[in-house]
Amino acid sequence: MDHVWKAFEANEVTHSTVHHLMTISQLVDELGYARVTDVASRLGITRGSACITLKSLEKQGLVERDTNAFLRLAPRGKFIAQTTHAKKSLLKQFLQDILGVNEENADIDSCKIEHLMSTEAGHQLCALVHFLTSENPAAKECMRSFRRFCRSECQVADCAFCEQRCLFAA
């Protein structure tokens, strides 16, 4: 079990650095360019803080600067930004459409998880979301049963799953 928590630290990028990559990607898509100042402004941080993180990302080969100091993502940085964005969208959809979490909490929670999820888990979650939101009769019945269960059985005082009292009951 000790190896599991260590895997958290082994991620290629941190929560903060992945947001720098995603911000560069968004700025280039929207404006056609990205500068350190733009990244800092979009993230709500100081230019100095953005500069420090971006230099680290350059050293890692994830971000490049052209002769005019415009930022662009290197192929690996682009891949990380795109897959993280896809995972965030998928997680948000799962939390909202499957679990019934409100949009604000789904957005916050998906942001917390997006860069930690493995590609394998992302693929499997994608398949599950596609199945559960499909027109498949078994999927429709599963969702109906899940919603009935949530309304009637899930938040009981004696919860076998939570071992005694439900940990999530209000």
C-alpha atoms as a PDB file:
ATOM      1  CA  MET A   1       0.000   0.000   0.000  1.00  0.00           C
ATOM      2  CA  ASP A   2       2.956   2.351   0.566  1.00  0.00           C
ATOM      3  CA  HIS A   3       3.662   2.490  -3.172  1.00  0.00           C
ATOM      4  CA  VAL A   4       0.226   3.933  -3.981  1.00  0.00           C
ATOM      5  CA  TRP A   5       0.673   7.296  -2.264  1.00  0.00           C
ATOM      6  CA  LYS A   6       4.150   7.587  -3.765  1.00  0.00           C
ATOM      7  CA  ALA A   7       2.641   7.303  -7.247  1.00  0.00           C
ATOM      8  CA  PHE A   8       0.870  10.613  -6.594  1.00  0.00           C
ATOM      9  CA  GLU A   9       4.255  12.345  -6.477  1.00  0.00           C
ATOM     10  CA  ALA A  10       5.452  10.591  -9.636  1.00  0.00           C
ATOM     11  CA  ASN A  11       3.205  12.562 -12.003  1.00  0.00           C
ATOM     12  CA  GLU A  12       5.029  14.195 -14.881  1.00  0.00           C
ATOM     13  CA  VAL A  13       3.404  17.549 -14.122  1.00  0.00           C
ATOM     14  CA  THR A  14       1.800  19.121 -11.081  1.00  0.00           C
ATOM     15  CA  HIS A  15      -1.691  20.547 -10.852  1.00  0.00           C
ATOM     16  CA  SER A  16      -0.268  24.038 -11.264  1.00  0.00           C
ATOM     17  CA  THR A  17       1.999  23.259 -14.194  1.00  0.00           C
ATOM     18  CA  VAL A  18      -0.700  21.447 -16.144  1.00  0.00           C
ATOM     19  CA  HIS A  19      -2.878  24.557 -15.826  1.00  0.00           C
ATOM     20  CA  HIS A  20      -0.032  26.615 -17.293  1.00  0.00           C
ATOM     21  CA  LEU A  21       0.080  24.212 -20.256  1.00  0.00           C
ATOM     22  CA  MET A  22      -3.690  24.268 -20.707  1.00  0.00           C
ATOM     23  CA  THR A  23      -3.705  28.066 -20.508  1.00  0.00           C
ATOM     24  CA  ILE A  24      -1.062  28.377 -23.223  1.00  0.00           C
ATOM     25  CA  SER A  25      -3.135  26.040 -25.394  1.00  0.00           C
ATOM     26  CA  GLN A  26      -6.300  28.089 -24.810  1.00  0.00           C
ATOM     27  CA  LEU A  27      -4.566  31.406 -25.477  1.00  0.00           C
ATOM     28  CA  VAL A  28      -3.020  30.170 -28.726  1.00  0.00           C
ATOM     29  CA  ASP A  29      -6.418  28.814 -29.833  1.00  0.00           C
ATOM     30  CA  GLU A  30      -8.206  32.069 -28.933  1.00  0.00           C
ATOM     31  CA  LEU A  31      -5.627  34.745 -29.786  1.00  0.00           C
ATOM     32  CA  GLY A  32      -3.106  32.982 -31.998  1.00  0.00           C
ATOM     33  CA  TYR A  33      -0.333  33.631 -29.461  1.00  0.00           C
ATOM     34  CA  ALA A  34       0.518  33.391 -25.781  1.00  0.00           C
ATOM     35  CA  ARG A  35       2.860  35.549 -23.729  1.00  0.00           C
ATOM     36  CA  VAL A  36       3.992  35.183 -20.114  1.00  0.00           C
ATOM     37  CA  THR A  37       1.847  38.198 -19.224  1.00  0.00           C
ATOM     38  CA  ASP A  38      -1.228  36.587 -20.803  1.00  0.00           C
ATOM     39  CA  VAL A  39      -0.670  33.315 -18.943  1.00  0.00           C
ATOM     40  CA  ALA A  40      -0.236  35.149 -15.627  1.00  0.00           C
ATOM     41  CA  SER A  41      -3.349  37.242 -16.204  1.00  0.00           C
ATOM     42  CA  ARG A  42      -5.499  34.253 -17.195  1.00  0.00           C
ATOM     43  CA  LEU A  43      -4.342  32.237 -14.178  1.00  0.00           C
ATOM     44  CA  GLY A  44      -4.649  35.185 -11.766  1.00  0.00           C
ATOM     45  CA  ILE A  45      -1.019  34.978 -10.653  1.00  0.00           C
ATOM     46  CA  THR A  46       1.944  37.349 -10.808  1.00  0.00           C
ATOM     47  CA  ARG A  47       4.077  37.579 -13.925  1.00  0.00           C
ATOM     48  CA  GLY A  48       7.071  36.476 -11.843  1.00  0.00           C
ATOM     49  CA  SER A  49       5.312  33.344 -10.645  1.00  0.00           C
ATOM     50  CA  ALA A  50       4.260  32.461 -14.188  1.00  0.00           C
ATOM     51  CA  CYS A  51       7.805  33.098 -15.410  1.00  0.00           C
ATOM     52  CA  ILE A  52       9.304  30.679 -12.873  1.00  0.00           C
ATOM     53  CA  THR A  53       6.882  27.887 -13.777  1.00  0.00           C
ATOM     54  CA  LEU A  54       7.237  28.472 -17.513  1.00  0.00           C
ATOM     55  CA  LYS A  55      11.051  28.330 -17.318  1.00  0.00           C
ATOM     56  CA  SER A  56      10.726  24.971 -15.577  1.00  0.00           C
ATOM     57  CA  LEU A  57       8.342  23.766 -18.288  1.00  0.00           C
ATOM     58  CA  GLU A  58      10.820  24.920 -20.930  1.00  0.00           C
ATOM     59  CA  LYS A  59      13.609  22.942 -19.234  1.00  0.00           C
ATOM     60  CA  GLN A  60      11.340  19.885 -19.262  1.00  0.00           C
ATOM     61  CA  GLY A  61      10.818  20.364 -23.006  1.00  0.00           C
ATOM     62  CA  LEU A  62       7.082  20.990 -22.661  1.00  0.00           C
ATOM     63  CA  VAL A  63       7.043  24.679 -23.641  1.00  0.00           C
ATOM     64  CA  GLU A  64       9.026  26.588 -26.267  1.00  0.00           C
ATOM     65  CA  ARG A  65       9.541  30.313 -26.978  1.00  0.00           C
ATOM     66  CA  ASP A  66      10.023  31.801 -30.398  1.00  0.00           C
ATOM     67  CA  THR A  67      12.309  34.750 -31.203  1.00  0.00           C
ATOM     68  CA  ASN A  68       9.538  37.193 -30.208  1.00  0.00           C
ATOM     69  CA  ALA A  69       9.129  35.497 -26.793  1.00  0.00           C
ATOM     70  CA  PHE A  70       5.758  34.031 -27.753  1.00  0.00           C
ATOM     71  CA  LEU A  71       5.038  30.757 -26.018  1.00  0.00           C
ATOM     72  CA  ARG A  72       3.960  27.557 -27.703  1.00  0.00           C
ATOM     73  CA  LEU A  73       3.574  24.022 -26.532  1.00  0.00           C
ATOM     74  CA  ALA A  74       6.110  21.431 -27.557  1.00  0.00           C
ATOM     75  CA  PRO A  75       4.530  18.173 -28.797  1.00  0.00           C
ATOM     76  CA  ARG A  76       4.674  16.539 -25.345  1.00  0.00           C
ATOM     77  CA  GLY A  77       3.250  19.680 -23.693  1.00  0.00           C
ATOM     78  CA  LYS A  78       0.424  19.776 -26.250  1.00  0.00           C
ATOM     79  CA  PHE A  79      -0.349  16.110 -25.587  1.00  0.00           C
ATOM     80  CA  ILE A  80      -0.478  16.678 -21.817  1.00  0.00           C
ATOM     81  CA  ALA A  81      -2.709  19.754 -22.198  1.00  0.00           C
ATOM     82  CA  GLN A  82      -5.092  18.000 -24.590  1.00  0.00           C
ATOM     83  CA  THR A  83      -5.409  14.800 -22.569  1.00  0.00           C
ATOM     84  CA  THR A  84      -5.842  16.727 -19.314  1.00  0.00           C
ATOM     85  CA  HIS A  85      -8.580  18.858 -20.877  1.00  0.00           C
ATOM     86  CA  ALA A  86     -10.293  15.719 -22.190  1.00  0.00           C
ATOM     87  CA  LYS A  87     -10.120  14.063 -18.758  1.00  0.00           C
ATOM     88  CA  LYS A  88     -11.538  17.193 -17.091  1.00  0.00           C
ATOM     89  CA  SER A  89     -14.460  17.312 -19.553  1.00  0.00           C
ATOM     90  CA  LEU A  90     -15.108  13.610 -19.103  1.00  0.00           C
ATOM     91  CA  LEU A  91     -14.934  13.802 -15.305  1.00  0.00           C
ATOM     92  CA  LYS A  92     -17.250  16.808 -15.251  1.00  0.00           C
ATOM     93  CA  GLN A  93     -19.762  14.994 -17.452  1.00  0.00           C
ATOM     94  CA  PHE A  94     -19.558  11.893 -15.251  1.00  0.00           C
ATOM     95  CA  LEU A  95     -20.049  13.892 -12.062  1.00  0.00           C
ATOM     96  CA  GLN A  96     -22.961  15.902 -13.482  1.00  0.00           C
ATOM     97  CA  ASP A  97     -24.784  13.527 -15.803  1.00  0.00           C
ATOM     98  CA  ILE A  98     -24.203  10.211 -14.057  1.00  0.00           C
ATOM     99  CA  LEU A  99     -23.775  11.071 -10.380  1.00  0.00           C
ATOM    100  CA  GLY A 100     -26.008  14.168 -10.382  1.00  0.00           C
ATOM    101  CA  VAL A 101     -23.432  16.549  -8.855  1.00  0.00           C
ATOM    102  CA  ASN A 102     -24.268  20.222  -9.401  1.00  0.00           C
ATOM    103  CA  GLU A 103     -22.307  22.052 -12.127  1.00  0.00           C
ATOM    104  CA  GLU A 104     -20.158  24.174  -9.798  1.00  0.00           C
ATOM    105  CA  ASN A 105     -19.017  21.216  -7.669  1.00  0.00           C
ATOM    106  CA  ALA A 106     -18.543  19.066 -10.776  1.00  0.00           C
ATOM    107  CA  ASP A 107     -16.291  21.756 -12.262  1.00  0.00           C
ATOM    108  CA  ILE A 108     -14.243  22.103  -9.062  1.00  0.00           C
ATOM    109  CA  ASP A 109     -13.948  18.363  -8.426  1.00  0.00           C
ATOM    110  CA  SER A 110     -13.062  17.528 -12.042  1.00  0.00           C
ATOM    111  CA  CYS A 111     -10.307  20.152 -11.872  1.00  0.00           C
ATOM    112  CA  LYS A 112      -8.903  18.525  -8.745  1.00  0.00           C
ATOM    113  CA  ILE A 113      -8.775  15.081 -10.361  1.00  0.00           C
ATOM    114  CA  GLU A 114      -8.036  15.758 -14.055  1.00  0.00           C
ATOM    115  CA  HIS A 115      -4.250  15.442 -14.066  1.00  0.00           C
ATOM    116  CA  LEU A 116      -4.087  12.579 -11.572  1.00  0.00           C
ATOM    117  CA  MET A 117      -6.140  10.074 -13.557  1.00  0.00           C
ATOM    118  CA  SER A 118      -4.268   7.517 -15.632  1.00  0.00           C
ATOM    119  CA  THR A 119      -4.924   7.200 -19.339  1.00  0.00           C
ATOM    120  CA  GLU A 120      -6.289   3.698 -18.747  1.00  0.00           C
ATOM    121  CA  ALA A 121      -8.787   4.945 -16.154  1.00  0.00           C
ATOM    122  CA  GLY A 122      -9.740   7.776 -18.521  1.00  0.00           C
ATOM    123  CA  HIS A 123     -10.486   5.312 -21.329  1.00  0.00           C
ATOM    124  CA  GLN A 124     -12.561   3.099 -19.065  1.00  0.00           C
ATOM    125  CA  LEU A 125     -14.472   6.035 -17.583  1.00  0.00           C
ATOM    126  CA  CYS A 126     -15.136   7.291 -21.099  1.00  0.00           C
ATOM    127  CA  ALA A 127     -16.583   3.906 -22.067  1.00  0.00           C
ATOM    128  CA  LEU A 128     -18.746   3.869 -18.929  1.00  0.00           C
ATOM    129  CA  VAL A 129     -20.082   7.398 -19.539  1.00  0.00           C
ATOM    130  CA  HIS A 130     -20.827   6.578 -23.170  1.00  0.00           C
ATOM    131  CA  PHE A 131     -22.637   3.413 -22.132  1.00  0.00           C
ATOM    132  CA  LEU A 132     -24.633   4.980 -19.295  1.00  0.00           C
ATOM    133  CA  THR A 133     -25.708   7.934 -21.460  1.00  0.00           C
ATOM    134  CA  SER A 134     -26.576   5.750 -24.459  1.00  0.00           C
ATOM    135  CA  GLU A 135     -29.970   4.558 -25.609  1.00  0.00           C
ATOM    136  CA  ASN A 136     -29.073   1.007 -24.570  1.00  0.00           C
ATOM    137  CA  PRO A 137     -32.030  -0.404 -22.565  1.00  0.00           C
ATOM    138  CA  ALA A 138     -29.688  -1.920 -19.954  1.00  0.00           C
ATOM    139  CA  ALA A 139     -27.983   1.454 -19.483  1.00  0.00           C
ATOM    140  CA  LYS A 140     -31.312   3.251 -19.101  1.00  0.00           C
ATOM    141  CA  GLU A 141     -32.462   0.697 -16.512  1.00  0.00           C
ATOM    142  CA  CYS A 142     -29.151   0.959 -14.672  1.00  0.00           C
ATOM    143  CA  MET A 143     -29.495   4.761 -14.441  1.00  0.00           C
ATOM    144  CA  ARG A 144     -33.132   4.479 -13.273  1.00  0.00           C
ATOM    145  CA  SER A 145     -32.130   1.930 -10.629  1.00  0.00           C
ATOM    146  CA  PHE A 146     -29.182   4.065  -9.524  1.00  0.00           C
ATOM    147  CA  ARG A 147     -31.373   7.152  -9.109  1.00  0.00           C
ATOM    148  CA  ARG A 148     -33.969   5.171  -7.132  1.00  0.00           C
ATOM    149  CA  PHE A 149     -31.200   3.775  -4.943  1.00  0.00           C
ATOM    150  CA  CYS A 150     -29.800   7.268  -4.282  1.00  0.00           C
ATOM    151  CA  ARG A 151     -33.214   8.556  -3.243  1.00  0.00           C
ATOM    152  CA  SER A 152     -34.161   5.639  -1.017  1.00  0.00           C
ATOM    153  CA  GLU A 153     -31.237   3.619   0.273  1.00  0.00           C
ATOM    154  CA  CYS A 154     -27.946   5.438  -0.027  1.00  0.00           C
ATOM    155  CA  GLN A 155     -28.048   7.885   2.861  1.00  0.00           C
ATOM    156  CA  VAL A 156     -29.197   5.667   5.677  1.00  0.00           C
ATOM    157  CA  ALA A 157     -27.902   5.767   9.231  1.00  0.00           C
ATOM    158  CA  ASP A 158     -26.639   2.170   9.146  1.00  0.00           C
ATOM    159  CA  CYS A 159     -24.497   1.961   6.027  1.00  0.00           C
ATOM    160  CA  ALA A 160     -22.619  -1.291   5.436  1.00  0.00           C
ATOM    161  CA  PHE A 161     -20.367   0.344   2.839  1.00  0.00           C
ATOM    162  CA  CYS A 162     -19.306   3.153   5.181  1.00  0.00           C
ATOM    163  CA  GLU A 163     -19.066   0.724   8.120  1.00  0.00           C
ATOM    164  CA  GLN A 164     -21.690   1.906  10.610  1.00  0.00           C
ATOM    165  CA  ARG A 165     -23.016   5.419  10.010  1.00  0.00           C
ATOM    166  CA  CYS A 166     -22.961   6.785   6.472  1.00  0.00           C
ATOM    167  CA  LEU A 167     -19.916   9.032   6.119  1.00  0.00           C
ATOM    168  CA  PHE A 168     -21.735  11.251   3.658  1.00  0.00           C
ATOM    169  CA  ALA A 169     -25.099  11.647   5.401  1.00  0.00           C
ATOM    170  CA  ALA A 170     -25.886  15.170   6.470  1.00  0.00           C
END
